[in-house]
Amino acid sequence: NICDFIEPLEVANFHKDWDDIGELEQHADTFALSAFKNLQAAADEIVGFLGMEEHNNTKTVPAKSKQHTVLLVGRICTEPAAKLLVKAKVFYSTDNVVTLEFTIRGGDENIRLFLTQELVS
């Protein structure tokens, strides 16, 4: 499991760390998650799969939301260990399918690509 290789990590200011890492160390992609009936189920699966620390109680999707962003932080067990930050925006597409906009920062490019691909495979 991917979560076996990621240590949850608490940060004081997610958005500052996000900005400090910057877009040069980022991978983003969007996926339809047709297997999920609602945003909360998708958010729970993403958090469980990655095993990262949710920031600011963002795992919980407010009732009747049409979109929600989960903020996650973890450290992948590599040498050297790398801090990873994730913005996982779940929303309903125009055809009412649960969709994920997944953005990850930190680590090296291969780690970011691998985690993105494994999440939706």
PDB file of N, CA and C in Angstrom:
ATOM      1  N   ASN A   1       0.822  -1.185   0.000  1.00  0.00           N
ATOM      2  CA  ASN A   1       0.000   0.000   0.000  1.00  0.00           C
ATOM      3  C   ASN A   1       0.870   1.254   0.000  1.00  0.00           C
ATOM      4  N   ILE A   2       0.428   2.242  -0.738  1.00  0.00           N
ATOM      5  CA  ILE A   2       1.158   3.510  -0.795  1.00  0.00           C
ATOM      6  C   ILE A   2       1.281   4.133   0.592  1.00  0.00           C
ATOM      7  N   CYS A   3       0.213   4.067   1.365  1.00  0.00           N
ATOM      8  CA  CYS A   3       0.220   4.707   2.691  1.00  0.00           C
ATOM      9  C   CYS A   3       1.288   4.120   3.617  1.00  0.00           C
ATOM     10  N   ASP A   4       1.808   2.932   3.314  1.00  0.00           N
ATOM     11  CA  ASP A   4       2.870   2.339   4.123  1.00  0.00           C
ATOM     12  C   ASP A   4       4.194   3.086   3.963  1.00  0.00           C
ATOM     13  N   PHE A   5       4.307   3.896   2.915  1.00  0.00           N
ATOM     14  CA  PHE A   5       5.558   4.590   2.621  1.00  0.00           C
ATOM     15  C   PHE A   5       5.461   6.097   2.828  1.00  0.00           C
ATOM     16  N   ILE A   6       4.323   6.547   3.371  1.00  0.00           N
ATOM     17  CA  ILE A   6       4.127   7.969   3.628  1.00  0.00           C
ATOM     18  C   ILE A   6       3.794   8.170   5.096  1.00  0.00           C
ATOM     19  N   GLU A   7       4.550   9.037   5.742  1.00  0.00           N
ATOM     20  CA  GLU A   7       4.324   9.367   7.144  1.00  0.00           C
ATOM     21  C   GLU A   7       3.474  10.636   7.209  1.00  0.00           C
ATOM     22  N   PRO A   8       2.357  10.608   7.933  1.00  0.00           N
ATOM     23  CA  PRO A   8       1.573  11.836   8.099  1.00  0.00           C
ATOM     24  C   PRO A   8       2.437  12.909   8.760  1.00  0.00           C
ATOM     25  N   LEU A   9       2.246  14.142   8.338  1.00  0.00           N
ATOM     26  CA  LEU A   9       3.076  15.226   8.831  1.00  0.00           C
ATOM     27  C   LEU A   9       2.201  16.448   9.083  1.00  0.00           C
ATOM     28  N   GLU A  10       2.299  17.006  10.278  1.00  0.00           N
ATOM     29  CA  GLU A  10       1.553  18.221  10.591  1.00  0.00           C
ATOM     30  C   GLU A  10       2.400  19.436  10.231  1.00  0.00           C
ATOM     31  N   VAL A  11       1.746  20.461   9.701  1.00  0.00           N
ATOM     32  CA  VAL A  11       2.416  21.726   9.419  1.00  0.00           C
ATOM     33  C   VAL A  11       1.578  22.847  10.011  1.00  0.00           C
ATOM     34  N   ALA A  12       2.249  23.921  10.386  1.00  0.00           N
ATOM     35  CA  ALA A  12       1.541  25.051  10.994  1.00  0.00           C
ATOM     36  C   ALA A  12       0.784  25.857   9.949  1.00  0.00           C
ATOM     37  N   ASN A  13       1.372  26.021   8.767  1.00  0.00           N
ATOM     38  CA  ASN A  13       0.761  26.862   7.751  1.00  0.00           C
ATOM     39  C   ASN A  13       0.879  26.193   6.384  1.00  0.00           C
ATOM     40  N   PHE A  14      -0.130  25.415   6.020  1.00  0.00           N
ATOM     41  CA  PHE A  14      -0.131  24.678   4.756  1.00  0.00           C
ATOM     42  C   PHE A  14       0.121  25.615   3.577  1.00  0.00           C
ATOM     43  N   HIS A  15      -0.589  26.728   3.533  1.00  0.00           N
ATOM     44  CA  HIS A  15      -0.519  27.606   2.369  1.00  0.00           C
ATOM     45  C   HIS A  15       0.857  28.246   2.202  1.00  0.00           C
ATOM     46  N   LYS A  16       1.535  28.556   3.318  1.00  0.00           N
ATOM     47  CA  LYS A  16       2.897  29.084   3.230  1.00  0.00           C
ATOM     48  C   LYS A  16       3.834  28.014   2.688  1.00  0.00           C
ATOM     49  N   ASP A  17       3.724  26.797   3.221  1.00  0.00           N
ATOM     50  CA  ASP A  17       4.566  25.701   2.723  1.00  0.00           C
ATOM     51  C   ASP A  17       4.278  25.427   1.244  1.00  0.00           C
ATOM     52  N   TRP A  18       3.011  25.485   0.864  1.00  0.00           N
ATOM     53  CA  TRP A  18       2.604  25.273  -0.535  1.00  0.00           C
ATOM     54  C   TRP A  18       3.295  26.304  -1.428  1.00  0.00           C
ATOM     55  N   ASP A  19       3.232  27.553  -1.027  1.00  0.00           N
ATOM     56  CA  ASP A  19       3.854  28.623  -1.816  1.00  0.00           C
ATOM     57  C   ASP A  19       5.373  28.503  -1.821  1.00  0.00           C
ATOM     58  N   ASP A  20       5.963  28.105  -0.684  1.00  0.00           N
ATOM     59  CA  ASP A  20       7.420  27.953  -0.600  1.00  0.00           C
ATOM     60  C   ASP A  20       7.933  26.879  -1.560  1.00  0.00           C
ATOM     61  N   ILE A  21       7.195  25.786  -1.692  1.00  0.00           N
ATOM     62  CA  ILE A  21       7.623  24.722  -2.617  1.00  0.00           C
ATOM     63  C   ILE A  21       7.503  25.210  -4.057  1.00  0.00           C
ATOM     64  N   GLY A  22       6.390  25.821  -4.397  1.00  0.00           N
ATOM     65  CA  GLY A  22       6.227  26.444  -5.709  1.00  0.00           C
ATOM     66  C   GLY A  22       5.825  25.498  -6.822  1.00  0.00           C
ATOM     67  N   GLU A  23       5.449  26.106  -7.923  1.00  0.00           N
ATOM     68  CA  GLU A  23       4.937  25.366  -9.084  1.00  0.00           C
ATOM     69  C   GLU A  23       5.992  24.537  -9.802  1.00  0.00           C
ATOM     70  N   LEU A  24       7.265  24.857  -9.629  1.00  0.00           N
ATOM     71  CA  LEU A  24       8.308  24.090 -10.321  1.00  0.00           C
ATOM     72  C   LEU A  24       8.388  22.662  -9.807  1.00  0.00           C
ATOM     73  N   GLU A  25       7.937  22.445  -8.564  1.00  0.00           N
ATOM     74  CA  GLU A  25       7.922  21.101  -7.983  1.00  0.00           C
ATOM     75  C   GLU A  25       6.475  20.640  -7.835  1.00  0.00           C
ATOM     76  N   GLN A  26       5.732  20.677  -8.932  1.00  0.00           N
ATOM     77  CA  GLN A  26       4.303  20.372  -8.897  1.00  0.00           C
ATOM     78  C   GLN A  26       3.892  19.488 -10.063  1.00  0.00           C
ATOM     79  N   HIS A  27       2.925  18.637  -9.790  1.00  0.00           N
ATOM     80  CA  HIS A  27       2.245  17.891 -10.852  1.00  0.00           C
ATOM     81  C   HIS A  27       0.748  18.000 -10.583  1.00  0.00           C
ATOM     82  N   ALA A  28      -0.021  18.235 -11.630  1.00  0.00           N
ATOM     83  CA  ALA A  28      -1.474  18.351 -11.494  1.00  0.00           C
ATOM     84  C   ALA A  28      -2.154  17.583 -12.619  1.00  0.00           C
ATOM     85  N   ASP A  29      -3.292  16.981 -12.275  1.00  0.00           N
ATOM     86  CA  ASP A  29      -4.079  16.245 -13.269  1.00  0.00           C
ATOM     87  C   ASP A  29      -5.520  16.179 -12.789  1.00  0.00           C
ATOM     88  N   THR A  30      -6.423  15.918 -13.710  1.00  0.00           N
ATOM     89  CA  THR A  30      -7.848  15.828 -13.398  1.00  0.00           C
ATOM     90  C   THR A  30      -8.374  14.489 -13.877  1.00  0.00           C
ATOM     91  N   PHE A  31      -9.208  13.850 -13.033  1.00  0.00           N
ATOM     92  CA  PHE A  31      -9.717  12.517 -13.317  1.00  0.00           C
ATOM     93  C   PHE A  31     -11.196  12.421 -12.971  1.00  0.00           C
ATOM     94  N   ALA A  32     -11.942  11.707 -13.784  1.00  0.00           N
ATOM     95  CA  ALA A  32     -13.319  11.360 -13.440  1.00  0.00           C
ATOM     96  C   ALA A  32     -13.270  10.160 -12.499  1.00  0.00           C
ATOM     97  N   LEU A  33     -14.037  10.225 -11.418  1.00  0.00           N
ATOM     98  CA  LEU A  33     -14.085   9.142 -10.428  1.00  0.00           C
ATOM     99  C   LEU A  33     -15.494   8.554 -10.415  1.00  0.00           C
ATOM    100  N   SER A  34     -15.869   7.951 -11.499  1.00  0.00           N
ATOM    101  CA  SER A  34     -17.245   7.478 -11.665  1.00  0.00           C
ATOM    102  C   SER A  34     -17.633   6.386 -10.678  1.00  0.00           C
ATOM    103  N   ALA A  35     -16.667   5.753 -10.033  1.00  0.00           N
ATOM    104  CA  ALA A  35     -16.979   4.704  -9.059  1.00  0.00           C
ATOM    105  C   ALA A  35     -17.548   5.273  -7.761  1.00  0.00           C
ATOM    106  N   PHE A  36     -17.392   6.575  -7.549  1.00  0.00           N
ATOM    107  CA  PHE A  36     -17.854   7.194  -6.305  1.00  0.00           C
ATOM    108  C   PHE A  36     -19.177   7.916  -6.525  1.00  0.00           C
ATOM    109  N   LYS A  37     -20.082   7.734  -5.584  1.00  0.00           N
ATOM    110  CA  LYS A  37     -21.416   8.326  -5.687  1.00  0.00           C
ATOM    111  C   LYS A  37     -21.479   9.732  -5.110  1.00  0.00           C
ATOM    112  N   ASN A  38     -20.508  10.080  -4.222  1.00  0.00           N
ATOM    113  CA  ASN A  38     -20.547  11.417  -3.630  1.00  0.00           C
ATOM    114  C   ASN A  38     -19.136  11.892  -3.302  1.00  0.00           C
ATOM    115  N   LEU A  39     -19.040  13.171  -2.986  1.00  0.00           N
ATOM    116  CA  LEU A  39     -17.739  13.787  -2.732  1.00  0.00           C
ATOM    117  C   LEU A  39     -17.067  13.244  -1.480  1.00  0.00           C
ATOM    118  N   GLN A  40     -17.849  12.970  -0.425  1.00  0.00           N
ATOM    119  CA  GLN A  40     -17.266  12.471   0.814  1.00  0.00           C
ATOM    120  C   GLN A  40     -16.613  11.113   0.619  1.00  0.00           C
ATOM    121  N   ALA A  41     -17.256  10.230  -0.131  1.00  0.00           N
ATOM    122  CA  ALA A  41     -16.679   8.909  -0.394  1.00  0.00           C
ATOM    123  C   ALA A  41     -15.352   9.045  -1.139  1.00  0.00           C
ATOM    124  N   ALA A  42     -15.290   9.959  -2.103  1.00  0.00           N
ATOM    125  CA  ALA A  42     -14.048  10.179  -2.848  1.00  0.00           C
ATOM    126  C   ALA A  42     -12.967  10.750  -1.932  1.00  0.00           C
ATOM    127  N   ALA A  43     -13.320  11.730  -1.109  1.00  0.00           N
ATOM    128  CA  ALA A  43     -12.349  12.330  -0.185  1.00  0.00           C
ATOM    129  C   ALA A  43     -11.801  11.289   0.779  1.00  0.00           C
ATOM    130  N   ASP A  44     -12.671  10.452   1.325  1.00  0.00           N
ATOM    131  CA  ASP A  44     -12.233   9.408   2.254  1.00  0.00           C
ATOM    132  C   ASP A  44     -11.251   8.450   1.592  1.00  0.00           C
ATOM    133  N   GLU A  45     -11.526   8.077   0.368  1.00  0.00           N
ATOM    134  CA  GLU A  45     -10.656   7.152  -0.360  1.00  0.00           C
ATOM    135  C   GLU A  45      -9.284   7.767  -0.617  1.00  0.00           C
ATOM    136  N   ILE A  46      -9.249   9.017  -1.003  1.00  0.00           N
ATOM    137  CA  ILE A  46      -7.987   9.704  -1.280  1.00  0.00           C
ATOM    138  C   ILE A  46      -7.139   9.786  -0.013  1.00  0.00           C
ATOM    139  N   VAL A  47      -7.750  10.211   1.092  1.00  0.00           N
ATOM    140  CA  VAL A  47      -7.028  10.324   2.365  1.00  0.00           C
ATOM    141  C   VAL A  47      -6.510   8.956   2.805  1.00  0.00           C
ATOM    142  N   GLY A  48      -7.341   7.939   2.729  1.00  0.00           N
ATOM    143  CA  GLY A  48      -6.935   6.602   3.136  1.00  0.00           C
ATOM    144  C   GLY A  48      -5.839   6.015   2.262  1.00  0.00           C
ATOM    145  N   PHE A  49      -5.927   6.260   0.971  1.00  0.00           N
ATOM    146  CA  PHE A  49      -4.941   5.728   0.042  1.00  0.00           C
ATOM    147  C   PHE A  49      -3.565   6.340   0.270  1.00  0.00           C
ATOM    148  N   LEU A  50      -3.521   7.654   0.439  1.00  0.00           N
ATOM    149  CA  LEU A  50      -2.233   8.332   0.584  1.00  0.00           C
ATOM    150  C   LEU A  50      -1.678   8.251   2.002  1.00  0.00           C
ATOM    151  N   GLY A  51      -2.542   8.159   2.999  1.00  0.00           N
ATOM    152  CA  GLY A  51      -2.079   8.064   4.379  1.00  0.00           C
ATOM    153  C   GLY A  51      -1.429   9.328   4.896  1.00  0.00           C
ATOM    154  N   MET A  52      -1.796  10.462   4.336  1.00  0.00           N
ATOM    155  CA  MET A  52      -1.229  11.744   4.754  1.00  0.00           C
ATOM    156  C   MET A  52      -2.084  12.375   5.844  1.00  0.00           C
ATOM    157  N   GLU A  53      -1.504  13.374   6.504  1.00  0.00           N
ATOM    158  CA  GLU A  53      -2.215  14.133   7.532  1.00  0.00           C
ATOM    159  C   GLU A  53      -3.135  15.139   6.859  1.00  0.00           C
ATOM    160  N   GLU A  54      -4.407  15.102   7.247  1.00  0.00           N
ATOM    161  CA  GLU A  54      -5.310  16.124   6.708  1.00  0.00           C
ATOM    162  C   GLU A  54      -5.050  17.427   7.444  1.00  0.00           C
ATOM    163  N   HIS A  55      -5.045  18.507   6.723  1.00  0.00           N
ATOM    164  CA  HIS A  55      -4.791  19.811   7.330  1.00  0.00           C
ATOM    165  C   HIS A  55      -6.109  20.530   7.580  1.00  0.00           C
ATOM    166  N   ASN A  56      -6.263  21.053   8.785  1.00  0.00           N
ATOM    167  CA  ASN A  56      -7.381  21.927   9.121  1.00  0.00           C
ATOM    168  C   ASN A  56      -8.751  21.258   8.944  1.00  0.00           C
ATOM    169  N   ASN A  57      -8.822  19.967   9.241  1.00  0.00           N
ATOM    170  CA  ASN A  57     -10.077  19.210   9.165  1.00  0.00           C
ATOM    171  C   ASN A  57     -10.741  19.290   7.790  1.00  0.00           C
ATOM    172  N   THR A  58      -9.928  19.282   6.743  1.00  0.00           N
ATOM    173  CA  THR A  58     -10.482  19.403   5.386  1.00  0.00           C
ATOM    174  C   THR A  58     -10.970  18.076   4.814  1.00  0.00           C
ATOM    175  N   LYS A  59     -10.826  16.993   5.555  1.00  0.00           N
ATOM    176  CA  LYS A  59     -11.316  15.707   5.058  1.00  0.00           C
ATOM    177  C   LYS A  59     -12.842  15.675   4.997  1.00  0.00           C
ATOM    178  N   THR A  60     -13.479  16.434   5.874  1.00  0.00           N
ATOM    179  CA  THR A  60     -14.939  16.421   5.944  1.00  0.00           C
ATOM    180  C   THR A  60     -15.540  17.372   4.925  1.00  0.00           C
ATOM    181  N   VAL A  61     -16.346  16.820   4.042  1.00  0.00           N
ATOM    182  CA  VAL A  61     -17.030  17.615   3.011  1.00  0.00           C
ATOM    183  C   VAL A  61     -18.329  18.153   3.611  1.00  0.00           C
ATOM    184  N   PRO A  62     -18.519  19.476   3.603  1.00  0.00           N
ATOM    185  CA  PRO A  62     -19.775  20.027   4.131  1.00  0.00           C
ATOM    186  C   PRO A  62     -20.985  19.495   3.361  1.00  0.00           C
ATOM    187  N   ALA A  63     -22.094  19.311   4.069  1.00  0.00           N
ATOM    188  CA  ALA A  63     -23.317  18.804   3.445  1.00  0.00           C
ATOM    189  C   ALA A  63     -23.728  19.692   2.276  1.00  0.00           C
ATOM    190  N   LYS A  64     -24.187  19.050   1.223  1.00  0.00           N
ATOM    191  CA  LYS A  64     -24.716  19.701   0.018  1.00  0.00           C
ATOM    192  C   LYS A  64     -23.677  20.494  -0.767  1.00  0.00           C
ATOM    193  N   SER A  65     -22.391  20.277  -0.490  1.00  0.00           N
ATOM    194  CA  SER A  65     -21.341  20.952  -1.258  1.00  0.00           C
ATOM    195  C   SER A  65     -21.276  20.392  -2.666  1.00  0.00           C
ATOM    196  N   LYS A  66     -20.996  21.248  -3.606  1.00  0.00           N
ATOM    197  CA  LYS A  66     -20.806  20.845  -5.004  1.00  0.00           C
ATOM    198  C   LYS A  66     -19.323  20.672  -5.323  1.00  0.00           C
ATOM    199  N   GLN A  67     -18.468  21.183  -4.408  1.00  0.00           N
ATOM    200  CA  GLN A  67     -17.021  21.016  -4.548  1.00  0.00           C
ATOM    201  C   GLN A  67     -16.376  21.159  -3.178  1.00  0.00           C
ATOM    202  N   HIS A  68     -15.200  20.562  -3.040  1.00  0.00           N
ATOM    203  CA  HIS A  68     -14.489  20.628  -1.764  1.00  0.00           C
ATOM    204  C   HIS A  68     -13.021  20.298  -2.021  1.00  0.00           C
ATOM    205  N   THR A  69     -12.130  20.985  -1.290  1.00  0.00           N
ATOM    206  CA  THR A  69     -10.701  20.728  -1.422  1.00  0.00           C
ATOM    207  C   THR A  69     -10.156  20.163  -0.119  1.00  0.00           C
ATOM    208  N   VAL A  70      -9.525  19.002  -0.224  1.00  0.00           N
ATOM    209  CA  VAL A  70      -8.861  18.352   0.905  1.00  0.00           C
ATOM    210  C   VAL A  70      -7.383  18.714   0.826  1.00  0.00           C
ATOM    211  N   LEU A  71      -6.839  19.182   1.941  1.00  0.00           N
ATOM    212  CA  LEU A  71      -5.424  19.536   2.025  1.00  0.00           C
ATOM    213  C   LEU A  71      -4.704  18.457   2.828  1.00  0.00           C
ATOM    214  N   LEU A  72      -3.645  17.897   2.256  1.00  0.00           N
ATOM    215  CA  LEU A  72      -2.921  16.788   2.881  1.00  0.00           C
ATOM    216  C   LEU A  72      -1.427  17.061   2.911  1.00  0.00           C
ATOM    217  N   VAL A  73      -0.783  16.560   3.974  1.00  0.00           N
ATOM    218  CA  VAL A  73       0.665  16.717   4.122  1.00  0.00           C
ATOM    219  C   VAL A  73       1.255  15.391   4.591  1.00  0.00           C
ATOM    220  N   GLY A  74       2.381  15.030   4.005  1.00  0.00           N
ATOM    221  CA  GLY A  74       3.081  13.820   4.420  1.00  0.00           C
ATOM    222  C   GLY A  74       4.541  13.878   4.041  1.00  0.00           C
ATOM    223  N   ARG A  75       5.268  12.897   4.542  1.00  0.00           N
ATOM    224  CA  ARG A  75       6.686  12.771   4.221  1.00  0.00           C
ATOM    225  C   ARG A  75       6.881  11.369   3.664  1.00  0.00           C
ATOM    226  N   ILE A  76       7.382  11.304   2.438  1.00  0.00           N
ATOM    227  CA  ILE A  76       7.595  10.000   1.816  1.00  0.00           C
ATOM    228  C   ILE A  76       8.935   9.441   2.284  1.00  0.00           C
ATOM    229  N   CYS A  77       8.944   8.162   2.537  1.00  0.00           N
ATOM    230  CA  CYS A  77      10.121   7.482   3.091  1.00  0.00           C
ATOM    231  C   CYS A  77      11.122   7.191   1.981  1.00  0.00           C
ATOM    232  N   THR A  78      11.847   8.214   1.586  1.00  0.00           N
ATOM    233  CA  THR A  78      12.931   8.081   0.616  1.00  0.00           C
ATOM    234  C   THR A  78      14.179   8.663   1.261  1.00  0.00           C
ATOM    235  N   GLU A  79      15.294   8.526   0.612  1.00  0.00           N
ATOM    236  CA  GLU A  79      16.538   9.149   1.084  1.00  0.00           C
ATOM    237  C   GLU A  79      16.912  10.245   0.118  1.00  0.00           C
ATOM    238  N   PRO A  80      16.912  11.475   0.504  1.00  0.00           N
ATOM    239  CA  PRO A  80      16.408  11.977   1.772  1.00  0.00           C
ATOM    240  C   PRO A  80      14.876  12.008   1.774  1.00  0.00           C
ATOM    241  N   ALA A  81      14.286  12.003   2.964  1.00  0.00           N
ATOM    242  CA  ALA A  81      12.828  12.067   3.085  1.00  0.00           C
ATOM    243  C   ALA A  81      12.340  13.375   2.467  1.00  0.00           C
ATOM    244  N   ALA A  82      11.203  13.314   1.777  1.00  0.00           N
ATOM    245  CA  ALA A  82      10.693  14.495   1.089  1.00  0.00           C
ATOM    246  C   ALA A  82       9.297  14.834   1.588  1.00  0.00           C
ATOM    247  N   LYS A  83       9.092  16.117   1.891  1.00  0.00           N
ATOM    248  CA  LYS A  83       7.770  16.587   2.287  1.00  0.00           C
ATOM    249  C   LYS A  83       6.903  16.710   1.031  1.00  0.00           C
ATOM    250  N   LEU A  84       5.667  16.200   1.136  1.00  0.00           N
ATOM    251  CA  LEU A  84       4.706  16.284   0.042  1.00  0.00           C
ATOM    252  C   LEU A  84       3.458  17.011   0.518  1.00  0.00           C
ATOM    253  N   LEU A  85       2.934  17.894  -0.300  1.00  0.00           N
ATOM    254  CA  LEU A  85       1.686  18.581  -0.016  1.00  0.00           C
ATOM    255  C   LEU A  85       0.719  18.313  -1.157  1.00  0.00           C
ATOM    256  N   VAL A  86      -0.546  18.078  -0.806  1.00  0.00           N
ATOM    257  CA  VAL A  86      -1.564  17.739  -1.803  1.00  0.00           C
ATOM    258  C   VAL A  86      -2.779  18.634  -1.627  1.00  0.00           C
ATOM    259  N   LYS A  87      -3.281  19.109  -2.755  1.00  0.00           N
ATOM    260  CA  LYS A  87      -4.608  19.714  -2.817  1.00  0.00           C
ATOM    261  C   LYS A  87      -5.437  18.778  -3.690  1.00  0.00           C
ATOM    262  N   ALA A  88      -6.430  18.155  -3.079  1.00  0.00           N
ATOM    263  CA  ALA A  88      -7.299  17.226  -3.795  1.00  0.00           C
ATOM    264  C   ALA A  88      -8.701  17.845  -3.837  1.00  0.00           C
ATOM    265  N   LYS A  89      -9.024  18.453  -4.961  1.00  0.00           N
ATOM    266  CA  LYS A  89     -10.327  19.091  -5.121  1.00  0.00           C
ATOM    267  C   LYS A  89     -11.283  18.091  -5.759  1.00  0.00           C
ATOM    268  N   VAL A  90     -12.347  17.768  -5.032  1.00  0.00           N
ATOM    269  CA  VAL A  90     -13.385  16.883  -5.564  1.00  0.00           C
ATOM    270  C   VAL A  90     -14.607  17.745  -5.880  1.00  0.00           C
ATOM    271  N   PHE A  91     -15.220  17.448  -6.998  1.00  0.00           N
ATOM    272  CA  PHE A  91     -16.373  18.237  -7.426  1.00  0.00           C
ATOM    273  C   PHE A  91     -17.225  17.417  -8.385  1.00  0.00           C
ATOM    274  N   TYR A  92     -18.433  17.908  -8.638  1.00  0.00           N
ATOM    275  CA  TYR A  92     -19.309  17.269  -9.608  1.00  0.00           C
ATOM    276  C   TYR A  92     -19.117  17.949 -10.952  1.00  0.00           C
ATOM    277  N   SER A  93     -18.846  17.148 -11.984  1.00  0.00           N
ATOM    278  CA  SER A  93     -18.706  17.690 -13.332  1.00  0.00           C
ATOM    279  C   SER A  93     -20.083  18.070 -13.866  1.00  0.00           C
ATOM    280  N   THR A  94     -20.106  18.649 -15.058  1.00  0.00           N
ATOM    281  CA  THR A  94     -21.374  19.081 -15.645  1.00  0.00           C
ATOM    282  C   THR A  94     -22.329  17.915 -15.869  1.00  0.00           C
ATOM    283  N   ASP A  95     -21.791  16.703 -16.050  1.00  0.00           N
ATOM    284  CA  ASP A  95     -22.658  15.524 -16.201  1.00  0.00           C
ATOM    285  C   ASP A  95     -22.843  14.780 -14.876  1.00  0.00           C
ATOM    286  N   ASN A  96     -22.569  15.489 -13.755  1.00  0.00           N
ATOM    287  CA  ASN A  96     -22.829  14.998 -12.400  1.00  0.00           C
ATOM    288  C   ASN A  96     -21.976  13.790 -11.996  1.00  0.00           C
ATOM    289  N   VAL A  97     -20.770  13.708 -12.537  1.00  0.00           N
ATOM    290  CA  VAL A  97     -19.820  12.662 -12.168  1.00  0.00           C
ATOM    291  C   VAL A  97     -18.829  13.254 -11.171  1.00  0.00           C
ATOM    292  N   VAL A  98     -18.524  12.498 -10.112  1.00  0.00           N
ATOM    293  CA  VAL A  98     -17.510  12.943  -9.160  1.00  0.00           C
ATOM    294  C   VAL A  98     -16.173  13.013  -9.905  1.00  0.00           C
ATOM    295  N   THR A  99     -15.508  14.145  -9.755  1.00  0.00           N
ATOM    296  CA  THR A  99     -14.266  14.409 -10.473  1.00  0.00           C
ATOM    297  C   THR A  99     -13.214  14.873  -9.468  1.00  0.00           C
ATOM    298  N   LEU A 100     -11.967  14.538  -9.749  1.00  0.00           N
ATOM    299  CA  LEU A 100     -10.848  14.906  -8.880  1.00  0.00           C
ATOM    300  C   LEU A 100      -9.866  15.764  -9.655  1.00  0.00           C
ATOM    301  N   GLU A 101      -9.547  16.922  -9.097  1.00  0.00           N
ATOM    302  CA  GLU A 101      -8.432  17.741  -9.567  1.00  0.00           C
ATOM    303  C   GLU A 101      -7.335  17.563  -8.527  1.00  0.00           C
ATOM    304  N   PHE A 102      -6.304  16.802  -8.879  1.00  0.00           N
ATOM    305  CA  PHE A 102      -5.261  16.394  -7.948  1.00  0.00           C
ATOM    306  C   PHE A 102      -3.984  17.169  -8.237  1.00  0.00           C
ATOM    307  N   THR A 103      -3.511  17.901  -7.232  1.00  0.00           N
ATOM    308  CA  THR A 103      -2.277  18.670  -7.375  1.00  0.00           C
ATOM    309  C   THR A 103      -1.356  18.297  -6.224  1.00  0.00           C
ATOM    310  N   ILE A 104      -0.121  17.942  -6.567  1.00  0.00           N
ATOM    311  CA  ILE A 104       0.857  17.529  -5.563  1.00  0.00           C
ATOM    312  C   ILE A 104       2.130  18.334  -5.752  1.00  0.00           C
ATOM    313  N   ARG A 105       2.691  18.784  -4.628  1.00  0.00           N
ATOM    314  CA  ARG A 105       3.951  19.518  -4.636  1.00  0.00           C
ATOM    315  C   ARG A 105       4.934  18.855  -3.685  1.00  0.00           C
ATOM    316  N   GLY A 106       6.226  18.963  -4.043  1.00  0.00           N
ATOM    317  CA  GLY A 106       7.293  18.425  -3.212  1.00  0.00           C
ATOM    318  C   GLY A 106       7.862  17.155  -3.807  1.00  0.00           C
ATOM    319  N   GLY A 107       8.909  16.654  -3.197  1.00  0.00           N
ATOM    320  CA  GLY A 107       9.546  15.441  -3.698  1.00  0.00           C
ATOM    321  C   GLY A 107      10.116  15.667  -5.084  1.00  0.00           C
ATOM    322  N   ASP A 108      10.495  14.594  -5.736  1.00  0.00           N
ATOM    323  CA  ASP A 108      10.975  14.764  -7.104  1.00  0.00           C
ATOM    324  C   ASP A 108       9.864  14.409  -8.093  1.00  0.00           C
ATOM    325  N   GLU A 109      10.113  14.700  -9.336  1.00  0.00           N
ATOM    326  CA  GLU A 109       9.098  14.528 -10.375  1.00  0.00           C
ATOM    327  C   GLU A 109       8.605  13.086 -10.466  1.00  0.00           C
ATOM    328  N   ASN A 110       9.509  12.120 -10.350  1.00  0.00           N
ATOM    329  CA  ASN A 110       9.109  10.716 -10.444  1.00  0.00           C
ATOM    330  C   ASN A 110       8.149  10.316  -9.332  1.00  0.00           C
ATOM    331  N   ILE A 111       8.386  10.818  -8.122  1.00  0.00           N
ATOM    332  CA  ILE A 111       7.497  10.525  -6.993  1.00  0.00           C
ATOM    333  C   ILE A 111       6.124  11.133  -7.234  1.00  0.00           C
ATOM    334  N   ARG A 112       6.094  12.388  -7.676  1.00  0.00           N
ATOM    335  CA  ARG A 112       4.810  13.052  -7.933  1.00  0.00           C
ATOM    336  C   ARG A 112       4.007  12.318  -9.005  1.00  0.00           C
ATOM    337  N   LEU A 113       4.666  11.941 -10.084  1.00  0.00           N
ATOM    338  CA  LEU A 113       3.981  11.215 -11.165  1.00  0.00           C
ATOM    339  C   LEU A 113       3.501   9.846 -10.695  1.00  0.00           C
ATOM    340  N   PHE A 114       4.349   9.141  -9.966  1.00  0.00           N
ATOM    341  CA  PHE A 114       3.988   7.812  -9.476  1.00  0.00           C
ATOM    342  C   PHE A 114       2.756   7.866  -8.578  1.00  0.00           C
ATOM    343  N   LEU A 115       2.754   8.781  -7.609  1.00  0.00           N
ATOM    344  CA  LEU A 115       1.623   8.871  -6.683  1.00  0.00           C
ATOM    345  C   LEU A 115       0.333   9.257  -7.412  1.00  0.00           C
ATOM    346  N   THR A 116       0.449  10.146  -8.363  1.00  0.00           N
ATOM    347  CA  THR A 116      -0.731  10.541  -9.152  1.00  0.00           C
ATOM    348  C   THR A 116      -1.287   9.349  -9.925  1.00  0.00           C
ATOM    349  N   GLN A 117      -0.429   8.613 -10.584  1.00  0.00           N
ATOM    350  CA  GLN A 117      -0.860   7.460 -11.384  1.00  0.00           C
ATOM    351  C   GLN A 117      -1.434   6.359 -10.506  1.00  0.00           C
ATOM    352  N   GLU A 118      -0.802   6.080  -9.384  1.00  0.00           N
ATOM    353  CA  GLU A 118      -1.278   5.021  -8.494  1.00  0.00           C
ATOM    354  C   GLU A 118      -2.633   5.364  -7.882  1.00  0.00           C
ATOM    355  N   LEU A 119      -2.865   6.624  -7.627  1.00  0.00           N
ATOM    356  CA  LEU A 119      -4.111   7.054  -7.024  1.00  0.00           C
ATOM    357  C   LEU A 119      -5.312   6.695  -7.892  1.00  0.00           C
ATOM    358  N   VAL A 120      -5.161   6.779  -9.186  1.00  0.00           N
ATOM    359  CA  VAL A 120      -6.313   6.547 -10.071  1.00  0.00           C
ATOM    360  C   VAL A 120      -6.241   5.231 -10.844  1.00  0.00           C
ATOM    361  N   SER A 121      -5.258   4.400 -10.518  1.00  0.00           N
ATOM    362  CA  SER A 121      -5.162   3.124 -11.254  1.00  0.00           C
ATOM    363  C   SER A 121      -5.996   2.037 -10.614  1.00  0.00           C
TER     364      SER A 121
END
